[in-house]
PDB file of N, CA and C in Angstrom:
ATOM      1  N   MET A   1     -33.339-128.040 165.439  1.00  0.00           N
ATOM      2  CA  MET A   1     -32.749-126.837 165.991  1.00  0.00           C
ATOM      3  C   MET A   1     -31.661-127.230 166.977  1.00  0.00           C
ATOM      4  N   ASN A   2     -30.515-126.601 166.839  1.00  0.00           N
ATOM      5  CA  ASN A   2     -29.433-126.782 167.800  1.00  0.00           C
ATOM      6  C   ASN A   2     -29.511-125.678 168.842  1.00  0.00           C
ATOM      7  N   VAL A   3     -29.259-126.041 170.089  1.00  0.00           N
ATOM      8  CA  VAL A   3     -29.232-125.077 171.178  1.00  0.00           C
ATOM      9  C   VAL A   3     -27.964-125.338 171.976  1.00  0.00           C
ATOM     10  N   HIS A   4     -27.056-124.374 171.946  1.00  0.00           N
ATOM     11  CA  HIS A   4     -25.793-124.483 172.675  1.00  0.00           C
ATOM     12  C   HIS A   4     -25.991-123.859 174.056  1.00  0.00           C
ATOM     13  N   VAL A   5     -25.557-124.576 175.092  1.00  0.00           N
ATOM     14  CA  VAL A   5     -25.655-124.083 176.458  1.00  0.00           C
ATOM     15  C   VAL A   5     -24.277-124.127 177.088  1.00  0.00           C
ATOM     16  N   GLU A   6     -23.881-123.031 177.728  1.00  0.00           N
ATOM     17  CA  GLU A   6     -22.600-122.993 178.432  1.00  0.00           C
ATOM     18  C   GLU A   6     -22.759-122.181 179.703  1.00  0.00           C
ATOM     19  N   THR A   7     -21.822-122.372 180.621  1.00  0.00           N
ATOM     20  CA  THR A   7     -21.800-121.597 181.853  1.00  0.00           C
ATOM     21  C   THR A   7     -20.544-120.750 181.844  1.00  0.00           C
ATOM     22  N   ARG A   8     -20.740-119.443 182.147  1.00  0.00           N
ATOM     23  CA  ARG A   8     -19.612-118.524 182.205  1.00  0.00           C
ATOM     24  C   ARG A   8     -19.886-117.518 183.319  1.00  0.00           C
ATOM     25  N   ASP A   9     -18.942-117.380 184.228  1.00  0.00           N
ATOM     26  CA  ASP A   9     -19.082-116.419 185.329  1.00  0.00           C
ATOM     27  C   ASP A   9     -20.407-116.611 186.075  1.00  0.00           C
ATOM     28  N   SER A  10     -20.744-117.844 186.400  1.00  0.00           N
ATOM     29  CA  SER A  10     -21.982-118.197 187.112  1.00  0.00           C
ATOM     30  C   SER A  10     -23.249-117.894 186.324  1.00  0.00           C
ATOM     31  N   ALA A  11     -23.125-117.575 185.061  1.00  0.00           N
ATOM     32  CA  ALA A  11     -24.290-117.322 184.211  1.00  0.00           C
ATOM     33  C   ALA A  11     -24.471-118.488 183.250  1.00  0.00           C
ATOM     34  N   THR A  12     -25.712-118.835 183.008  1.00  0.00           N
ATOM     35  CA  THR A  12     -26.030-119.843 182.011  1.00  0.00           C
ATOM     36  C   THR A  12     -26.356-119.107 180.718  1.00  0.00           C
ATOM     37  N   ILE A  13     -25.599-119.415 179.675  1.00  0.00           N
ATOM     38  CA  ILE A  13     -25.770-118.758 178.380  1.00  0.00           C
ATOM     39  C   ILE A  13     -26.352-119.779 177.407  1.00  0.00           C
ATOM     40  N   ILE A  14     -27.464-119.403 176.812  1.00  0.00           N
ATOM     41  CA  ILE A  14     -28.171-120.277 175.882  1.00  0.00           C
ATOM     42  C   ILE A  14     -28.137-119.622 174.518  1.00  0.00           C
ATOM     43  N   GLN A  15     -27.689-120.383 173.524  1.00  0.00           N
ATOM     44  CA  GLN A  15     -27.633-119.841 172.168  1.00  0.00           C
ATOM     45  C   GLN A  15     -28.348-120.784 171.202  1.00  0.00           C
ATOM     46  N   PRO A  16     -29.614-120.463 170.880  1.00  0.00           N
ATOM     47  CA  PRO A  16     -30.306-121.252 169.853  1.00  0.00           C
ATOM     48  C   PRO A  16     -29.742-120.915 168.483  1.00  0.00           C
ATOM     49  N   GLN A  17     -29.760-121.900 167.607  1.00  0.00           N
ATOM     50  CA  GLN A  17     -29.236-121.690 166.260  1.00  0.00           C
ATOM     51  C   GLN A  17     -30.301-122.097 165.255  1.00  0.00           C
ATOM     52  N   GLY A  18     -30.743-121.125 164.482  1.00  0.00           N
ATOM     53  CA  GLY A  18     -31.782-121.375 163.492  1.00  0.00           C
ATOM     54  C   GLY A  18     -33.042-120.614 163.831  1.00  0.00           C
ATOM     55  N   ASP A  19     -34.035-120.751 162.977  1.00  0.00           N
ATOM     56  CA  ASP A  19     -35.302-120.070 163.181  1.00  0.00           C
ATOM     57  C   ASP A  19     -36.035-120.662 164.379  1.00  0.00           C
ATOM     58  N   VAL A  20     -36.713-119.793 165.122  1.00  0.00           N
ATOM     59  CA  VAL A  20     -37.550-120.248 166.227  1.00  0.00           C
ATOM     60  C   VAL A  20     -38.989-120.025 165.788  1.00  0.00           C
ATOM     61  N   ASP A  21     -39.625-121.126 165.403  1.00  0.00           N
ATOM     62  CA  ASP A  21     -40.981-121.064 164.888  1.00  0.00           C
ATOM     63  C   ASP A  21     -41.801-122.208 165.464  1.00  0.00           C
ATOM     64  N   LEU A  22     -42.995-122.395 164.939  1.00  0.00           N
ATOM     65  CA  LEU A  22     -43.905-123.405 165.465  1.00  0.00           C
ATOM     66  C   LEU A  22     -43.271-124.798 165.482  1.00  0.00           C
ATOM     67  N   ALA A  23     -42.477-125.106 164.488  1.00  0.00           N
ATOM     68  CA  ALA A  23     -41.853-126.426 164.401  1.00  0.00           C
ATOM     69  C   ALA A  23     -40.725-126.603 165.416  1.00  0.00           C
ATOM     70  N   SER A  24     -39.963-125.549 165.682  1.00  0.00           N
ATOM     71  CA  SER A  24     -38.792-125.679 166.560  1.00  0.00           C
ATOM     72  C   SER A  24     -39.030-125.234 168.001  1.00  0.00           C
ATOM     73  N   SER A  25     -40.129-124.539 168.266  1.00  0.00           N
ATOM     74  CA  SER A  25     -40.375-124.022 169.621  1.00  0.00           C
ATOM     75  C   SER A  25     -40.451-125.100 170.701  1.00  0.00           C
ATOM     76  N   PRO A  26     -41.081-126.255 170.453  1.00  0.00           N
ATOM     77  CA  PRO A  26     -41.126-127.258 171.524  1.00  0.00           C
ATOM     78  C   PRO A  26     -39.731-127.711 171.983  1.00  0.00           C
ATOM     79  N   GLU A  27     -38.829-127.909 171.042  1.00  0.00           N
ATOM     80  CA  GLU A  27     -37.465-128.301 171.417  1.00  0.00           C
ATOM     81  C   GLU A  27     -36.762-127.153 172.131  1.00  0.00           C
ATOM     82  N   PHE A  28     -36.943-125.939 171.644  1.00  0.00           N
ATOM     83  CA  PHE A  28     -36.355-124.770 172.279  1.00  0.00           C
ATOM     84  C   PHE A  28     -36.877-124.632 173.706  1.00  0.00           C
ATOM     85  N   ARG A  29     -38.174-124.812 173.900  1.00  0.00           N
ATOM     86  CA  ARG A  29     -38.788-124.738 175.220  1.00  0.00           C
ATOM     87  C   ARG A  29     -38.168-125.774 176.162  1.00  0.00           C
ATOM     88  N   ALA A  30     -38.020-127.000 175.678  1.00  0.00           N
ATOM     89  CA  ALA A  30     -37.446-128.061 176.508  1.00  0.00           C
ATOM     90  C   ALA A  30     -36.016-127.739 176.909  1.00  0.00           C
ATOM     91  N   ARG A  31     -35.227-127.242 175.972  1.00  0.00           N
ATOM     92  CA  ARG A  31     -33.830-126.893 176.287  1.00  0.00           C
ATOM     93  C   ARG A  31     -33.748-125.718 177.255  1.00  0.00           C
ATOM     94  N   LEU A  32     -34.653-124.751 177.111  1.00  0.00           N
ATOM     95  CA  LEU A  32     -34.687-123.627 178.049  1.00  0.00           C
ATOM     96  C   LEU A  32     -35.024-124.115 179.456  1.00  0.00           C
ATOM     97  N   GLN A  33     -35.986-125.007 179.558  1.00  0.00           N
ATOM     98  CA  GLN A  33     -36.365-125.529 180.873  1.00  0.00           C
ATOM     99  C   GLN A  33     -35.208-126.273 181.525  1.00  0.00           C
ATOM    100  N   GLU A  34     -34.500-127.089 180.753  1.00  0.00           N
ATOM    101  CA  GLU A  34     -33.328-127.794 181.278  1.00  0.00           C
ATOM    102  C   GLU A  34     -32.279-126.809 181.780  1.00  0.00           C
ATOM    103  N   ALA A  35     -32.034-125.784 180.992  1.00  0.00           N
ATOM    104  CA  ALA A  35     -31.030-124.785 181.360  1.00  0.00           C
ATOM    105  C   ALA A  35     -31.467-124.014 182.601  1.00  0.00           C
ATOM    106  N   GLN A  36     -32.739-123.696 182.703  1.00  0.00           N
ATOM    107  CA  GLN A  36     -33.221-122.958 183.868  1.00  0.00           C
ATOM    108  C   GLN A  36     -33.090-123.777 185.145  1.00  0.00           C
ATOM    109  N   GLU A  37     -33.258-125.070 185.046  1.00  0.00           N
ATOM    110  CA  GLU A  37     -33.105-125.925 186.228  1.00  0.00           C
ATOM    111  C   GLU A  37     -31.668-125.908 186.734  1.00  0.00           C
ATOM    112  N   GLN A  38     -30.711-125.676 185.846  1.00  0.00           N
ATOM    113  CA  GLN A  38     -29.291-125.654 186.199  1.00  0.00           C
ATOM    114  C   GLN A  38     -28.783-124.249 186.531  1.00  0.00           C
ATOM    115  N   ALA A  39     -29.537-123.225 186.137  1.00  0.00           N
ATOM    116  CA  ALA A  39     -29.071-121.841 186.270  1.00  0.00           C
ATOM    117  C   ALA A  39     -28.853-121.459 187.725  1.00  0.00           C
ATOM    118  N   GLN A  40     -27.801-120.653 187.944  1.00  0.00           N
ATOM    119  CA  GLN A  40     -27.461-120.234 189.294  1.00  0.00           C
ATOM    120  C   GLN A  40     -27.688-118.742 189.497  1.00  0.00           C
ATOM    121  N   ALA A  41     -26.976-117.914 188.770  1.00  0.00           N
ATOM    122  CA  ALA A  41     -26.993-116.475 189.042  1.00  0.00           C
ATOM    123  C   ALA A  41     -27.784-115.679 188.013  1.00  0.00           C
ATOM    124  N   ARG A  42     -27.659-116.023 186.748  1.00  0.00           N
ATOM    125  CA  ARG A  42     -28.386-115.306 185.706  1.00  0.00           C
ATOM    126  C   ARG A  42     -28.488-116.175 184.469  1.00  0.00           C
ATOM    127  N   LEU A  43     -29.471-115.824 183.656  1.00  0.00           N
ATOM    128  CA  LEU A  43     -29.729-116.558 182.424  1.00  0.00           C
ATOM    129  C   LEU A  43     -29.610-115.571 181.274  1.00  0.00           C
ATOM    130  N   VAL A  44     -28.787-115.919 180.283  1.00  0.00           N
ATOM    131  CA  VAL A  44     -28.562-115.066 179.128  1.00  0.00           C
ATOM    132  C   VAL A  44     -28.947-115.863 177.879  1.00  0.00           C
ATOM    133  N   ILE A  45     -29.837-115.299 177.089  1.00  0.00           N
ATOM    134  CA  ILE A  45     -30.233-115.947 175.839  1.00  0.00           C
ATOM    135  C   ILE A  45     -29.655-115.126 174.700  1.00  0.00           C
ATOM    136  N   ASP A  46     -28.675-115.711 174.038  1.00  0.00           N
ATOM    137  CA  ASP A  46     -27.956-115.074 172.935  1.00  0.00           C
ATOM    138  C   ASP A  46     -28.667-115.453 171.637  1.00  0.00           C
ATOM    139  N   LEU A  47     -29.332-114.484 171.036  1.00  0.00           N
ATOM    140  CA  LEU A  47     -30.119-114.747 169.834  1.00  0.00           C
ATOM    141  C   LEU A  47     -29.385-114.363 168.549  1.00  0.00           C
ATOM    142  N   SER A  48     -28.061-114.296 168.610  1.00  0.00           N
ATOM    143  CA  SER A  48     -27.283-113.881 167.440  1.00  0.00           C
ATOM    144  C   SER A  48     -27.424-114.832 166.252  1.00  0.00           C
ATOM    145  N   SER A  49     -27.770-116.088 166.504  1.00  0.00           N
ATOM    146  CA  SER A  49     -27.906-117.066 165.422  1.00  0.00           C
ATOM    147  C   SER A  49     -29.361-117.328 165.043  1.00  0.00           C
ATOM    148  N   VAL A  50     -30.248-116.444 165.488  1.00  0.00           N
ATOM    149  CA  VAL A  50     -31.677-116.567 165.158  1.00  0.00           C
ATOM    150  C   VAL A  50     -32.046-115.423 164.222  1.00  0.00           C
ATOM    151  N   GLN A  51     -32.351-115.765 162.989  1.00  0.00           N
ATOM    152  CA  GLN A  51     -32.723-114.764 161.989  1.00  0.00           C
ATOM    153  C   GLN A  51     -34.224-114.484 161.981  1.00  0.00           C
ATOM    154  N   TYR A  52     -35.021-115.452 162.458  1.00  0.00           N
ATOM    155  CA  TYR A  52     -36.471-115.324 162.404  1.00  0.00           C
ATOM    156  C   TYR A  52     -37.076-115.940 163.652  1.00  0.00           C
ATOM    157  N   MET A  53     -38.087-115.273 164.206  1.00  0.00           N
ATOM    158  CA  MET A  53     -38.826-115.803 165.349  1.00  0.00           C
ATOM    159  C   MET A  53     -40.287-115.436 165.166  1.00  0.00           C
ATOM    160  N   ASP A  54     -41.165-116.426 165.314  1.00  0.00           N
ATOM    161  CA  ASP A  54     -42.595-116.138 165.213  1.00  0.00           C
ATOM    162  C   ASP A  54     -43.196-116.056 166.618  1.00  0.00           C
ATOM    163  N   SER A  55     -44.509-115.946 166.685  1.00  0.00           N
ATOM    164  CA  SER A  55     -45.175-115.753 167.975  1.00  0.00           C
ATOM    165  C   SER A  55     -44.990-116.938 168.919  1.00  0.00           C
ATOM    166  N   SER A  56     -44.822-118.145 168.391  1.00  0.00           N
ATOM    167  CA  SER A  56     -44.595-119.295 169.273  1.00  0.00           C
ATOM    168  C   SER A  56     -43.230-119.195 169.951  1.00  0.00           C
ATOM    169  N   GLY A  57     -42.251-118.654 169.256  1.00  0.00           N
ATOM    170  CA  GLY A  57     -40.944-118.429 169.866  1.00  0.00           C
ATOM    171  C   GLY A  57     -40.997-117.357 170.930  1.00  0.00           C
ATOM    172  N   VAL A  58     -41.745-116.294 170.643  1.00  0.00           N
ATOM    173  CA  VAL A  58     -41.909-115.223 171.626  1.00  0.00           C
ATOM    174  C   VAL A  58     -42.625-115.768 172.859  1.00  0.00           C
ATOM    175  N   ALA A  59     -43.663-116.564 172.655  1.00  0.00           N
ATOM    176  CA  ALA A  59     -44.395-117.162 173.776  1.00  0.00           C
ATOM    177  C   ALA A  59     -43.477-118.046 174.623  1.00  0.00           C
ATOM    178  N   THR A  60     -42.596-118.770 173.976  1.00  0.00           N
ATOM    179  CA  THR A  60     -41.635-119.603 174.689  1.00  0.00           C
ATOM    180  C   THR A  60     -40.735-118.750 175.574  1.00  0.00           C
ATOM    181  N   LEU A  61     -40.291-117.613 175.050  1.00  0.00           N
ATOM    182  CA  LEU A  61     -39.437-116.725 175.840  1.00  0.00           C
ATOM    183  C   LEU A  61     -40.212-116.052 176.966  1.00  0.00           C
ATOM    184  N   VAL A  62     -41.481-115.753 176.753  1.00  0.00           N
ATOM    185  CA  VAL A  62     -42.306-115.181 177.824  1.00  0.00           C
ATOM    186  C   VAL A  62     -42.448-116.193 178.959  1.00  0.00           C
ATOM    187  N   GLU A  63     -42.683-117.462 178.633  1.00  0.00           N
ATOM    188  CA  GLU A  63     -42.752-118.511 179.657  1.00  0.00           C
ATOM    189  C   GLU A  63     -41.443-118.590 180.432  1.00  0.00           C
ATOM    190  N   CYS A  64     -40.340-118.514 179.719  1.00  0.00           N
ATOM    191  CA  CYS A  64     -39.019-118.557 180.335  1.00  0.00           C
ATOM    192  C   CYS A  64     -38.835-117.373 181.286  1.00  0.00           C
ATOM    193  N   LEU A  65     -39.271-116.198 180.867  1.00  0.00           N
ATOM    194  CA  LEU A  65     -39.175-115.007 181.705  1.00  0.00           C
ATOM    195  C   LEU A  65     -40.003-115.177 182.973  1.00  0.00           C
ATOM    196  N   GLN A  66     -41.198-115.709 182.848  1.00  0.00           N
ATOM    197  CA  GLN A  66     -42.049-115.917 184.014  1.00  0.00           C
ATOM    198  C   GLN A  66     -41.393-116.877 185.011  1.00  0.00           C
ATOM    199  N   ARG A  67     -40.814-117.967 184.502  1.00  0.00           N
ATOM    200  CA  ARG A  67     -40.132-118.924 185.388  1.00  0.00           C
ATOM    201  C   ARG A  67     -38.918-118.293 186.051  1.00  0.00           C
ATOM    202  N   SER A  68     -38.172-117.518 185.290  1.00  0.00           N
ATOM    203  CA  SER A  68     -36.967-116.906 185.864  1.00  0.00           C
ATOM    204  C   SER A  68     -37.344-115.902 186.951  1.00  0.00           C
ATOM    205  N   ARG A  69     -38.417-115.165 186.761  1.00  0.00           N
ATOM    206  CA  ARG A  69     -38.873-114.232 187.800  1.00  0.00           C
ATOM    207  C   ARG A  69     -39.313-114.983 189.044  1.00  0.00           C
ATOM    208  N   THR A  70     -40.026-116.086 188.856  1.00  0.00           N
ATOM    209  CA  THR A  70     -40.455-116.912 189.990  1.00  0.00           C
ATOM    210  C   THR A  70     -39.247-117.452 190.752  1.00  0.00           C
ATOM    211  N   ASP A  71     -38.215-117.850 190.011  1.00  0.00           N
ATOM    212  CA  ASP A  71     -37.005-118.407 190.621  1.00  0.00           C
ATOM    213  C   ASP A  71     -36.050-117.330 191.123  1.00  0.00           C
ATOM    214  N   GLY A  72     -36.324-116.072 190.800  1.00  0.00           N
ATOM    215  CA  GLY A  72     -35.445-114.980 191.222  1.00  0.00           C
ATOM    216  C   GLY A  72     -34.129-114.924 190.468  1.00  0.00           C
ATOM    217  N   ILE A  73     -34.138-115.414 189.234  1.00  0.00           N
ATOM    218  CA  ILE A  73     -32.926-115.411 188.404  1.00  0.00           C
ATOM    219  C   ILE A  73     -33.113-114.406 187.263  1.00  0.00           C
ATOM    220  N   PRO A  74     -32.262-113.386 187.182  1.00  0.00           N
ATOM    221  CA  PRO A  74     -32.394-112.402 186.103  1.00  0.00           C
ATOM    222  C   PRO A  74     -32.224-113.055 184.726  1.00  0.00           C
ATOM    223  N   LEU A  75     -33.019-112.588 183.776  1.00  0.00           N
ATOM    224  CA  LEU A  75     -32.979-113.095 182.404  1.00  0.00           C
ATOM    225  C   LEU A  75     -32.671-111.939 181.469  1.00  0.00           C
ATOM    226  N   PHE A  76     -31.707-112.156 180.586  1.00  0.00           N
ATOM    227  CA  PHE A  76     -31.319-111.151 179.600  1.00  0.00           C
ATOM    228  C   PHE A  76     -31.381-111.754 178.209  1.00  0.00           C
ATOM    229  N   LEU A  77     -31.873-110.976 177.252  1.00  0.00           N
ATOM    230  CA  LEU A  77     -31.800-111.330 175.839  1.00  0.00           C
ATOM    231  C   LEU A  77     -30.732-110.450 175.220  1.00  0.00           C
ATOM    232  N   CYS A  78     -29.944-111.005 174.311  1.00  0.00           N
ATOM    233  CA  CYS A  78     -28.922-110.186 173.672  1.00  0.00           C
ATOM    234  C   CYS A  78     -28.734-110.579 172.217  1.00  0.00           C
ATOM    235  N   GLN A  79     -28.116-109.655 171.495  1.00  0.00           N
ATOM    236  CA  GLN A  79     -27.729-109.828 170.104  1.00  0.00           C
ATOM    237  C   GLN A  79     -28.909-110.193 169.203  1.00  0.00           C
ATOM    238  N   LEU A  80     -30.009-109.469 169.372  1.00  0.00           N
ATOM    239  CA  LEU A  80     -31.190-109.699 168.551  1.00  0.00           C
ATOM    240  C   LEU A  80     -30.997-109.058 167.187  1.00  0.00           C
ATOM    241  N   HIS A  81     -31.239-109.832 166.147  1.00  0.00           N
ATOM    242  CA  HIS A  81     -31.234-109.275 164.800  1.00  0.00           C
ATOM    243  C   HIS A  81     -32.401-108.303 164.679  1.00  0.00           C
ATOM    244  N   GLU A  82     -32.279-107.371 163.790  1.00  0.00           N
ATOM    245  CA  GLU A  82     -33.293-106.322 163.630  1.00  0.00           C
ATOM    246  C   GLU A  82     -34.685-106.899 163.427  1.00  0.00           C
ATOM    247  N   ARG A  83     -34.771-107.941 162.638  1.00  0.00           N
ATOM    248  CA  ARG A  83     -36.072-108.565 162.349  1.00  0.00           C
ATOM    249  C   ARG A  83     -36.685-109.175 163.610  1.00  0.00           C
ATOM    250  N   VAL A  84     -35.862-109.816 164.435  1.00  0.00           N
ATOM    251  CA  VAL A  84     -36.342-110.420 165.679  1.00  0.00           C
ATOM    252  C   VAL A  84     -36.701-109.324 166.683  1.00  0.00           C
ATOM    253  N   LEU A  85     -35.863-108.303 166.786  1.00  0.00           N
ATOM    254  CA  LEU A  85     -36.142-107.195 167.690  1.00  0.00           C
ATOM    255  C   LEU A  85     -37.466-106.527 167.336  1.00  0.00           C
ATOM    256  N   SER A  86     -37.759-106.402 166.055  1.00  0.00           N
ATOM    257  CA  SER A  86     -39.009-105.750 165.644  1.00  0.00           C
ATOM    258  C   SER A  86     -40.233-106.532 166.135  1.00  0.00           C
ATOM    259  N   VAL A  87     -40.132-107.859 166.211  1.00  0.00           N
ATOM    260  CA  VAL A  87     -41.238-108.665 166.740  1.00  0.00           C
ATOM    261  C   VAL A  87     -41.496-108.285 168.203  1.00  0.00           C
ATOM    262  N   PHE A  88     -40.425-108.122 168.974  1.00  0.00           N
ATOM    263  CA  PHE A  88     -40.563-107.734 170.374  1.00  0.00           C
ATOM    264  C   PHE A  88     -41.105-106.309 170.500  1.00  0.00           C
ATOM    265  N   GLN A  89     -40.684-105.433 169.609  1.00  0.00           N
ATOM    266  CA  GLN A  89     -41.163-104.046 169.642  1.00  0.00           C
ATOM    267  C   GLN A  89     -42.642-103.958 169.276  1.00  0.00           C
ATOM    268  N   ILE A  90     -43.061-104.685 168.258  1.00  0.00           N
ATOM    269  CA  ILE A  90     -44.464-104.678 167.844  1.00  0.00           C
ATOM    270  C   ILE A  90     -45.360-105.190 168.967  1.00  0.00           C
ATOM    271  N   ALA A  91     -44.890-106.231 169.663  1.00  0.00           N
ATOM    272  CA  ALA A  91     -45.661-106.806 170.775  1.00  0.00           C
ATOM    273  C   ALA A  91     -45.467-106.019 172.069  1.00  0.00           C
ATOM    274  N   ARG A  92     -44.658-104.971 172.007  1.00  0.00           N
ATOM    275  CA  ARG A  92     -44.340-104.129 173.166  1.00  0.00           C
ATOM    276  C   ARG A  92     -43.688-104.917 174.294  1.00  0.00           C
ATOM    277  N   LEU A  93     -42.936-105.914 173.917  1.00  0.00           N
ATOM    278  CA  LEU A  93     -42.219-106.721 174.896  1.00  0.00           C
ATOM    279  C   LEU A  93     -40.784-106.246 175.089  1.00  0.00           C
ATOM    280  N   ASP A  94     -40.360-105.285 174.272  1.00  0.00           N
ATOM    281  CA  ASP A  94     -39.005-104.756 174.428  1.00  0.00           C
ATOM    282  C   ASP A  94     -38.862-103.999 175.744  1.00  0.00           C
ATOM    283  N   GLY A  95     -39.970-103.602 176.349  1.00  0.00           N
ATOM    284  CA  GLY A  95     -39.930-102.959 177.661  1.00  0.00           C
ATOM    285  C   GLY A  95     -40.123-103.939 178.800  1.00  0.00           C
ATOM    286  N   VAL A  96     -40.490-105.174 178.485  1.00  0.00           N
ATOM    287  CA  VAL A  96     -40.714-106.207 179.499  1.00  0.00           C
ATOM    288  C   VAL A  96     -39.438-107.015 179.726  1.00  0.00           C
ATOM    289  N   PHE A  97     -38.755-107.344 178.634  1.00  0.00           N
ATOM    290  CA  PHE A  97     -37.512-108.099 178.717  1.00  0.00           C
ATOM    291  C   PHE A  97     -36.329-107.152 178.912  1.00  0.00           C
ATOM    292  N   ASP A  98     -35.294-107.636 179.575  1.00  0.00           N
ATOM    293  CA  ASP A  98     -34.020-106.913 179.626  1.00  0.00           C
ATOM    294  C   ASP A  98     -33.252-107.294 178.367  1.00  0.00           C
ATOM    295  N   ILE A  99     -33.188-106.369 177.415  1.00  0.00           N
ATOM    296  CA  ILE A  99     -32.516-106.609 176.145  1.00  0.00           C
ATOM    297  C   ILE A  99     -31.255-105.775 176.119  1.00  0.00           C
ATOM    298  N   VAL A 100     -30.121-106.443 175.926  1.00  0.00           N
ATOM    299  CA  VAL A 100     -28.825-105.760 175.884  1.00  0.00           C
ATOM    300  C   VAL A 100     -28.127-106.129 174.571  1.00  0.00           C
ATOM    301  N   ALA A 101     -27.067-105.414 174.279  1.00  0.00           N
ATOM    302  CA  ALA A 101     -26.391-105.578 172.982  1.00  0.00           C
ATOM    303  C   ALA A 101     -25.614-106.896 172.882  1.00  0.00           C
ATOM    304  N   THR A 102     -24.835-107.236 173.907  1.00  0.00           N
ATOM    305  CA  THR A 102     -23.916-108.373 173.802  1.00  0.00           C
ATOM    306  C   THR A 102     -24.016-109.282 175.026  1.00  0.00           C
ATOM    307  N   VAL A 103     -23.420-110.437 174.904  1.00  0.00           N
ATOM    308  CA  VAL A 103     -23.331-111.357 176.043  1.00  0.00           C
ATOM    309  C   VAL A 103     -22.556-110.708 177.172  1.00  0.00           C
ATOM    310  N   ASP A 104     -21.459-110.047 176.853  1.00  0.00           N
ATOM    311  CA  ASP A 104     -20.672-109.373 177.894  1.00  0.00           C
ATOM    312  C   ASP A 104     -21.496-108.330 178.632  1.00  0.00           C
ATOM    313  N   ASP A 105     -22.337-107.594 177.903  1.00  0.00           N
ATOM    314  CA  ASP A 105     -23.219-106.618 178.547  1.00  0.00           C
ATOM    315  C   ASP A 105     -24.184-107.311 179.507  1.00  0.00           C
ATOM    316  N   ALA A 106     -24.677-108.467 179.113  1.00  0.00           N
ATOM    317  CA  ALA A 106     -25.603-109.224 179.967  1.00  0.00           C
ATOM    318  C   ALA A 106     -24.885-109.745 181.214  1.00  0.00           C
ATOM    319  N   LEU A 107     -23.635-110.106 181.063  1.00  0.00           N
ATOM    320  CA  LEU A 107     -22.879-110.636 182.202  1.00  0.00           C
ATOM    321  C   LEU A 107     -22.548-109.554 183.225  1.00  0.00           C
ATOM    322  N   THR A 108     -22.456-108.304 182.779  1.00  0.00           N
ATOM    323  CA  THR A 108     -22.086-107.214 183.692  1.00  0.00           C
ATOM    324  C   THR A 108     -23.279-106.355 184.098  1.00  0.00           C
ATOM    325  N   ALA A 109     -24.446-106.608 183.540  1.00  0.00           N
ATOM    326  CA  ALA A 109     -25.630-105.780 183.853  1.00  0.00           C
ATOM    327  C   ALA A 109     -26.098-106.009 185.282  1.00  0.00           C
TER     328      ALA A 109
END
């Protein structure tokens, strides 16, 4: 799994590429932790390149959310494909995470 990380307007933007499942979650988790250690003002996870996410991927994002709350850094998810969004809706996590349409929306929220 490739994970692109960039900084824009004091925000750390993370873009995983590929499915987030049991096989790829450990690497995704490690990259998220690295990015969180560097994050300053906000953390944006752009899921536009993720077509599929299973419960291990969701658990990884829940851990990330917990750390960001502890650190006082807002976390936003954006550009979720319908299939990925439905996983969050079924688990009723769409009300727990700040989910916005685009990266720009996350940067201005």
